[in-house]
């Protein structure tokens, strides 16, 4: 199975180290469960309250496209 990691932090109270920690935790989970990480999508200093999260929106479009190909 393959997967991508989506990591983000808001502009309110997080820092770049938060992204690194999320990637480490998700990579460890993937390795433990036989999942191959094929990419990373990262949104830095972007609040979930706005609808302009570049990589989140890209991930949603890709997922929808893959679902429609089934």
PDB file of N, CA and C in Angstrom:
ATOM      1  N   UNK A   1       0.847  -1.166   0.000  1.00  0.00           N
ATOM      2  CA  UNK A   1       0.000   0.000   0.000  1.00  0.00           C
ATOM      3  C   UNK A   1       0.898   1.236   0.000  1.00  0.00           C
ATOM      4  N   UNK A   2       0.464   2.245  -0.721  1.00  0.00           N
ATOM      5  CA  UNK A   2       1.192   3.514  -0.735  1.00  0.00           C
ATOM      6  C   UNK A   2       0.327   4.603  -0.122  1.00  0.00           C
ATOM      7  N   UNK A   3       0.987   5.645   0.342  1.00  0.00           N
ATOM      8  CA  UNK A   3       0.266   6.760   0.959  1.00  0.00           C
ATOM      9  C   UNK A   3       1.116   8.019   0.870  1.00  0.00           C
ATOM     10  N   UNK A   4       0.491   9.131   1.129  1.00  0.00           N
ATOM     11  CA  UNK A   4       1.201  10.399   1.270  1.00  0.00           C
ATOM     12  C   UNK A   4       0.980  10.908   2.692  1.00  0.00           C
ATOM     13  N   UNK A   5       1.866  11.761   3.132  1.00  0.00           N
ATOM     14  CA  UNK A   5       1.723  12.397   4.436  1.00  0.00           C
ATOM     15  C   UNK A   5       1.293  13.837   4.222  1.00  0.00           C
ATOM     16  N   UNK A   6       0.229  14.228   4.897  1.00  0.00           N
ATOM     17  CA  UNK A   6      -0.199  15.626   4.903  1.00  0.00           C
ATOM     18  C   UNK A   6       0.088  16.173   6.290  1.00  0.00           C
ATOM     19  N   UNK A   7       0.957  17.164   6.360  1.00  0.00           N
ATOM     20  CA  UNK A   7       1.307  17.781   7.636  1.00  0.00           C
ATOM     21  C   UNK A   7       1.045  19.277   7.546  1.00  0.00           C
ATOM     22  N   UNK A   8       0.618  19.854   8.670  1.00  0.00           N
ATOM     23  CA  UNK A   8       0.351  21.293   8.672  1.00  0.00           C
ATOM     24  C   UNK A   8       0.505  21.829  10.076  1.00  0.00           C
ATOM     25  N   UNK A   9       0.714  23.123  10.121  1.00  0.00           N
ATOM     26  CA  UNK A   9       0.598  23.819  11.392  1.00  0.00           C
ATOM     27  C   UNK A   9      -0.065  25.150  11.143  1.00  0.00           C
ATOM     28  N   UNK A  10      -0.804  25.602  12.139  1.00  0.00           N
ATOM     29  CA  UNK A  10      -1.517  26.869  12.003  1.00  0.00           C
ATOM     30  C   UNK A  10      -0.583  28.014  12.322  1.00  0.00           C
ATOM     31  N   UNK A  11      -0.990  29.174  11.939  1.00  0.00           N
ATOM     32  CA  UNK A  11      -0.183  30.360  12.205  1.00  0.00           C
ATOM     33  C   UNK A  11      -0.296  30.797  13.658  1.00  0.00           C
ATOM     34  N   UNK A  12      -1.232  30.224  14.393  1.00  0.00           N
ATOM     35  CA  UNK A  12      -1.505  30.688  15.746  1.00  0.00           C
ATOM     36  C   UNK A  12      -0.407  30.330  16.738  1.00  0.00           C
ATOM     37  N   UNK A  13      -0.056  29.048  16.855  1.00  0.00           N
ATOM     38  CA  UNK A  13       0.834  28.674  17.953  1.00  0.00           C
ATOM     39  C   UNK A  13       1.783  27.528  17.623  1.00  0.00           C
ATOM     40  N   UNK A  14       2.040  27.243  16.396  1.00  0.00           N
ATOM     41  CA  UNK A  14       2.919  26.130  16.033  1.00  0.00           C
ATOM     42  C   UNK A  14       4.134  26.657  15.288  1.00  0.00           C
ATOM     43  N   UNK A  15       5.107  25.746  15.142  1.00  0.00           N
ATOM     44  CA  UNK A  15       6.338  26.106  14.448  1.00  0.00           C
ATOM     45  C   UNK A  15       6.746  24.979  13.506  1.00  0.00           C
ATOM     46  N   UNK A  16       7.830  25.206  12.780  1.00  0.00           N
ATOM     47  CA  UNK A  16       8.329  24.230  11.805  1.00  0.00           C
ATOM     48  C   UNK A  16       8.596  22.874  12.454  1.00  0.00           C
ATOM     49  N   UNK A  17       9.027  22.863  13.712  1.00  0.00           N
ATOM     50  CA  UNK A  17       9.298  21.599  14.389  1.00  0.00           C
ATOM     51  C   UNK A  17       8.051  20.722  14.446  1.00  0.00           C
ATOM     52  N   UNK A  18       6.894  21.344  14.459  1.00  0.00           N
ATOM     53  CA  UNK A  18       5.634  20.596  14.464  1.00  0.00           C
ATOM     54  C   UNK A  18       5.515  19.749  13.199  1.00  0.00           C
ATOM     55  N   UNK A  19       5.882  20.310  12.075  1.00  0.00           N
ATOM     56  CA  UNK A  19       5.843  19.587  10.795  1.00  0.00           C
ATOM     57  C   UNK A  19       6.788  18.387  10.867  1.00  0.00           C
ATOM     58  N   UNK A  20       8.000  18.616  11.334  1.00  0.00           N
ATOM     59  CA  UNK A  20       8.985  17.538  11.414  1.00  0.00           C
ATOM     60  C   UNK A  20       8.492  16.413  12.317  1.00  0.00           C
ATOM     61  N   UNK A  21       7.868  16.759  13.430  1.00  0.00           N
ATOM     62  CA  UNK A  21       7.334  15.752  14.341  1.00  0.00           C
ATOM     63  C   UNK A  21       6.202  14.958  13.712  1.00  0.00           C
ATOM     64  N   UNK A  22       5.336  15.634  12.975  1.00  0.00           N
ATOM     65  CA  UNK A  22       4.235  14.940  12.307  1.00  0.00           C
ATOM     66  C   UNK A  22       4.771  13.963  11.260  1.00  0.00           C
ATOM     67  N   UNK A  23       5.776  14.399  10.518  1.00  0.00           N
ATOM     68  CA  UNK A  23       6.352  13.530   9.490  1.00  0.00           C
ATOM     69  C   UNK A  23       7.029  12.325  10.137  1.00  0.00           C
ATOM     70  N   UNK A  24       7.778  12.549  11.222  1.00  0.00           N
ATOM     71  CA  UNK A  24       8.431  11.426  11.920  1.00  0.00           C
ATOM     72  C   UNK A  24       7.396  10.419  12.422  1.00  0.00           C
ATOM     73  N   UNK A  25       6.336  10.917  13.063  1.00  0.00           N
ATOM     74  CA  UNK A  25       5.315  10.021  13.624  1.00  0.00           C
ATOM     75  C   UNK A  25       4.598   9.240  12.525  1.00  0.00           C
ATOM     76  N   UNK A  26       4.250   9.916  11.450  1.00  0.00           N
ATOM     77  CA  UNK A  26       3.545   9.239  10.363  1.00  0.00           C
ATOM     78  C   UNK A  26       4.442   8.271   9.611  1.00  0.00           C
ATOM     79  N   UNK A  27       5.716   8.618   9.455  1.00  0.00           N
ATOM     80  CA  UNK A  27       6.659   7.722   8.798  1.00  0.00           C
ATOM     81  C   UNK A  27       6.857   6.457   9.628  1.00  0.00           C
ATOM     82  N   UNK A  28       6.986   6.613  10.937  1.00  0.00           N
ATOM     83  CA  UNK A  28       7.140   5.448  11.819  1.00  0.00           C
ATOM     84  C   UNK A  28       5.908   4.549  11.738  1.00  0.00           C
ATOM     85  N   UNK A  29       4.724   5.140  11.735  1.00  0.00           N
ATOM     86  CA  UNK A  29       3.489   4.363  11.606  1.00  0.00           C
ATOM     87  C   UNK A  29       3.482   3.603  10.290  1.00  0.00           C
ATOM     88  N   UNK A  30       3.845   4.291   9.204  1.00  0.00           N
ATOM     89  CA  UNK A  30       3.841   3.657   7.884  1.00  0.00           C
ATOM     90  C   UNK A  30       4.815   2.485   7.840  1.00  0.00           C
ATOM     91  N   UNK A  31       6.016   2.686   8.344  1.00  0.00           N
ATOM     92  CA  UNK A  31       7.013   1.613   8.331  1.00  0.00           C
ATOM     93  C   UNK A  31       6.537   0.413   9.138  1.00  0.00           C
ATOM     94  N   UNK A  32       5.925   0.669  10.271  1.00  0.00           N
ATOM     95  CA  UNK A  32       5.443  -0.414  11.141  1.00  0.00           C
ATOM     96  C   UNK A  32       4.311  -1.200  10.480  1.00  0.00           C
ATOM     97  N   UNK A  33       3.576  -0.556   9.578  1.00  0.00           N
ATOM     98  CA  UNK A  33       2.409  -1.183   8.969  1.00  0.00           C
ATOM     99  C   UNK A  33       2.580  -1.505   7.484  1.00  0.00           C
ATOM    100  N   UNK A  34       3.814  -1.482   6.999  1.00  0.00           N
ATOM    101  CA  UNK A  34       4.084  -1.868   5.614  1.00  0.00           C
ATOM    102  C   UNK A  34       3.547  -0.898   4.575  1.00  0.00           C
ATOM    103  N   UNK A  35       3.469   0.356   4.922  1.00  0.00           N
ATOM    104  CA  UNK A  35       2.965   1.387   4.007  1.00  0.00           C
ATOM    105  C   UNK A  35       4.151   2.164   3.457  1.00  0.00           C
ATOM    106  N   UNK A  36       4.173   2.346   2.136  1.00  0.00           N
ATOM    107  CA  UNK A  36       5.253   3.092   1.487  1.00  0.00           C
ATOM    108  C   UNK A  36       4.800   4.530   1.288  1.00  0.00           C
ATOM    109  N   UNK A  37       5.542   5.466   1.859  1.00  0.00           N
ATOM    110  CA  UNK A  37       5.226   6.887   1.705  1.00  0.00           C
ATOM    111  C   UNK A  37       5.785   7.361   0.372  1.00  0.00           C
ATOM    112  N   UNK A  38       4.907   7.896  -0.483  1.00  0.00           N
ATOM    113  CA  UNK A  38       5.328   8.310  -1.817  1.00  0.00           C
ATOM    114  C   UNK A  38       5.380   9.824  -1.982  1.00  0.00           C
ATOM    115  N   UNK A  39       5.025  10.549  -0.933  1.00  0.00           N
ATOM    116  CA  UNK A  39       5.097  12.001  -1.030  1.00  0.00           C
ATOM    117  C   UNK A  39       4.666  12.677   0.250  1.00  0.00           C
ATOM    118  N   UNK A  40       4.952  13.965   0.309  1.00  0.00           N
ATOM    119  CA  UNK A  40       4.558  14.793   1.446  1.00  0.00           C
ATOM    120  C   UNK A  40       3.834  16.031   0.926  1.00  0.00           C
ATOM    121  N   UNK A  41       2.747  16.372   1.562  1.00  0.00           N
ATOM    122  CA  UNK A  41       2.065  17.640   1.318  1.00  0.00           C
ATOM    123  C   UNK A  41       2.137  18.418   2.622  1.00  0.00           C
ATOM    124  N   UNK A  42       2.650  19.642   2.548  1.00  0.00           N
ATOM    125  CA  UNK A  42       2.861  20.424   3.763  1.00  0.00           C
ATOM    126  C   UNK A  42       2.264  21.811   3.599  1.00  0.00           C
ATOM    127  N   UNK A  43       1.427  22.191   4.557  1.00  0.00           N
ATOM    128  CA  UNK A  43       0.898  23.553   4.634  1.00  0.00           C
ATOM    129  C   UNK A  43       1.481  24.187   5.886  1.00  0.00           C
ATOM    130  N   UNK A  44       2.232  25.257   5.698  1.00  0.00           N
ATOM    131  CA  UNK A  44       2.865  25.946   6.814  1.00  0.00           C
ATOM    132  C   UNK A  44       2.096  27.213   7.161  1.00  0.00           C
ATOM    133  N   UNK A  45       1.842  27.388   8.445  1.00  0.00           N
ATOM    134  CA  UNK A  45       1.200  28.599   8.969  1.00  0.00           C
ATOM    135  C   UNK A  45      -0.119  28.903   8.262  1.00  0.00           C
ATOM    136  N   UNK A  46      -0.934  27.863   8.106  1.00  0.00           N
ATOM    137  CA  UNK A  46      -2.229  28.015   7.449  1.00  0.00           C
ATOM    138  C   UNK A  46      -3.315  27.535   8.401  1.00  0.00           C
ATOM    139  N   UNK A  47      -4.222  28.392   8.715  1.00  0.00           N
ATOM    140  CA  UNK A  47      -5.307  28.047   9.625  1.00  0.00           C
ATOM    141  C   UNK A  47      -6.334  27.170   8.923  1.00  0.00           C
ATOM    142  N   UNK A  48      -6.975  26.286   9.685  1.00  0.00           N
ATOM    143  CA  UNK A  48      -8.043  25.461   9.112  1.00  0.00           C
ATOM    144  C   UNK A  48      -9.302  26.282   8.897  1.00  0.00           C
ATOM    145  N   UNK A  49      -9.321  27.499   9.404  1.00  0.00           N
ATOM    146  CA  UNK A  49     -10.506  28.349   9.279  1.00  0.00           C
ATOM    147  C   UNK A  49     -10.624  28.980   7.900  1.00  0.00           C
ATOM    148  N   UNK A  50      -9.549  28.899   7.113  1.00  0.00           N
ATOM    149  CA  UNK A  50      -9.625  29.439   5.758  1.00  0.00           C
ATOM    150  C   UNK A  50      -9.700  28.297   4.764  1.00  0.00           C
ATOM    151  N   UNK A  51     -10.148  28.592   3.575  1.00  0.00           N
ATOM    152  CA  UNK A  51     -10.334  27.544   2.575  1.00  0.00           C
ATOM    153  C   UNK A  51      -9.254  27.588   1.503  1.00  0.00           C
ATOM    154  N   UNK A  52      -8.106  28.188   1.801  1.00  0.00           N
ATOM    155  CA  UNK A  52      -7.050  28.313   0.814  1.00  0.00           C
ATOM    156  C   UNK A  52      -5.809  27.535   1.250  1.00  0.00           C
ATOM    157  N   UNK A  53      -6.006  26.289   1.629  1.00  0.00           N
ATOM    158  CA  UNK A  53      -4.881  25.439   2.026  1.00  0.00           C
ATOM    159  C   UNK A  53      -4.426  24.686   0.791  1.00  0.00           C
ATOM    160  N   UNK A  54      -3.375  25.171   0.165  1.00  0.00           N
ATOM    161  CA  UNK A  54      -2.921  24.708  -1.146  1.00  0.00           C
ATOM    162  C   UNK A  54      -2.790  23.187  -1.219  1.00  0.00           C
ATOM    163  N   UNK A  55      -1.993  22.596  -0.348  1.00  0.00           N
ATOM    164  CA  UNK A  55      -1.733  21.168  -0.468  1.00  0.00           C
ATOM    165  C   UNK A  55      -2.897  20.316   0.026  1.00  0.00           C
ATOM    166  N   UNK A  56      -3.631  20.795   1.006  1.00  0.00           N
ATOM    167  CA  UNK A  56      -4.823  20.065   1.438  1.00  0.00           C
ATOM    168  C   UNK A  56      -5.812  19.986   0.284  1.00  0.00           C
ATOM    169  N   UNK A  57      -6.055  21.107  -0.358  1.00  0.00           N
ATOM    170  CA  UNK A  57      -7.002  21.131  -1.473  1.00  0.00           C
ATOM    171  C   UNK A  57      -6.504  20.258  -2.636  1.00  0.00           C
ATOM    172  N   UNK A  58      -5.202  20.259  -2.879  1.00  0.00           N
ATOM    173  CA  UNK A  58      -4.640  19.410  -3.935  1.00  0.00           C
ATOM    174  C   UNK A  58      -4.851  17.942  -3.588  1.00  0.00           C
ATOM    175  N   UNK A  59      -4.634  17.590  -2.335  1.00  0.00           N
ATOM    176  CA  UNK A  59      -4.827  16.201  -1.898  1.00  0.00           C
ATOM    177  C   UNK A  59      -6.272  15.770  -2.074  1.00  0.00           C
ATOM    178  N   UNK A  60      -7.207  16.638  -1.758  1.00  0.00           N
ATOM    179  CA  UNK A  60      -8.621  16.316  -1.920  1.00  0.00           C
ATOM    180  C   UNK A  60      -8.942  16.090  -3.397  1.00  0.00           C
ATOM    181  N   UNK A  61      -8.424  16.940  -4.276  1.00  0.00           N
ATOM    182  CA  UNK A  61      -8.675  16.775  -5.721  1.00  0.00           C
ATOM    183  C   UNK A  61      -8.115  15.449  -6.222  1.00  0.00           C
ATOM    184  N   UNK A  62      -6.906  15.112  -5.800  1.00  0.00           N
ATOM    185  CA  UNK A  62      -6.295  13.852  -6.236  1.00  0.00           C
ATOM    186  C   UNK A  62      -7.109  12.670  -5.727  1.00  0.00           C
ATOM    187  N   UNK A  63      -7.524  12.713  -4.476  1.00  0.00           N
ATOM    188  CA  UNK A  63      -8.319  11.620  -3.904  1.00  0.00           C
ATOM    189  C   UNK A  63      -9.623  11.437  -4.657  1.00  0.00           C
ATOM    190  N   UNK A  64     -10.301  12.532  -4.944  1.00  0.00           N
ATOM    191  CA  UNK A  64     -11.561  12.442  -5.702  1.00  0.00           C
ATOM    192  C   UNK A  64     -11.333  11.841  -7.074  1.00  0.00           C
ATOM    193  N   UNK A  65     -10.248  12.251  -7.721  1.00  0.00           N
ATOM    194  CA  UNK A  65      -9.927  11.736  -9.058  1.00  0.00           C
ATOM    195  C   UNK A  65      -9.696  10.218  -8.988  1.00  0.00           C
ATOM    196  N   UNK A  66      -8.938   9.767  -7.988  1.00  0.00           N
ATOM    197  CA  UNK A  66      -8.657   8.342  -7.847  1.00  0.00           C
ATOM    198  C   UNK A  66      -9.920   7.541  -7.552  1.00  0.00           C
ATOM    199  N   UNK A  67     -10.807   8.097  -6.749  1.00  0.00           N
ATOM    200  CA  UNK A  67     -12.063   7.411  -6.450  1.00  0.00           C
ATOM    201  C   UNK A  67     -12.942   7.247  -7.675  1.00  0.00           C
ATOM    202  N   UNK A  68     -12.922   8.250  -8.551  1.00  0.00           N
ATOM    203  CA  UNK A  68     -13.760   8.180  -9.754  1.00  0.00           C
ATOM    204  C   UNK A  68     -13.189   7.221 -10.799  1.00  0.00           C
ATOM    205  N   UNK A  69     -11.922   6.878 -10.691  1.00  0.00           N
ATOM    206  CA  UNK A  69     -11.319   5.948 -11.647  1.00  0.00           C
ATOM    207  C   UNK A  69     -11.599   4.507 -11.298  1.00  0.00           C
ATOM    208  N   UNK A  70     -12.134   4.236 -10.118  1.00  0.00           N
ATOM    209  CA  UNK A  70     -12.411   2.852  -9.709  1.00  0.00           C
ATOM    210  C   UNK A  70     -13.580   2.272 -10.441  1.00  0.00           C
TER     211      UNK A  70
END
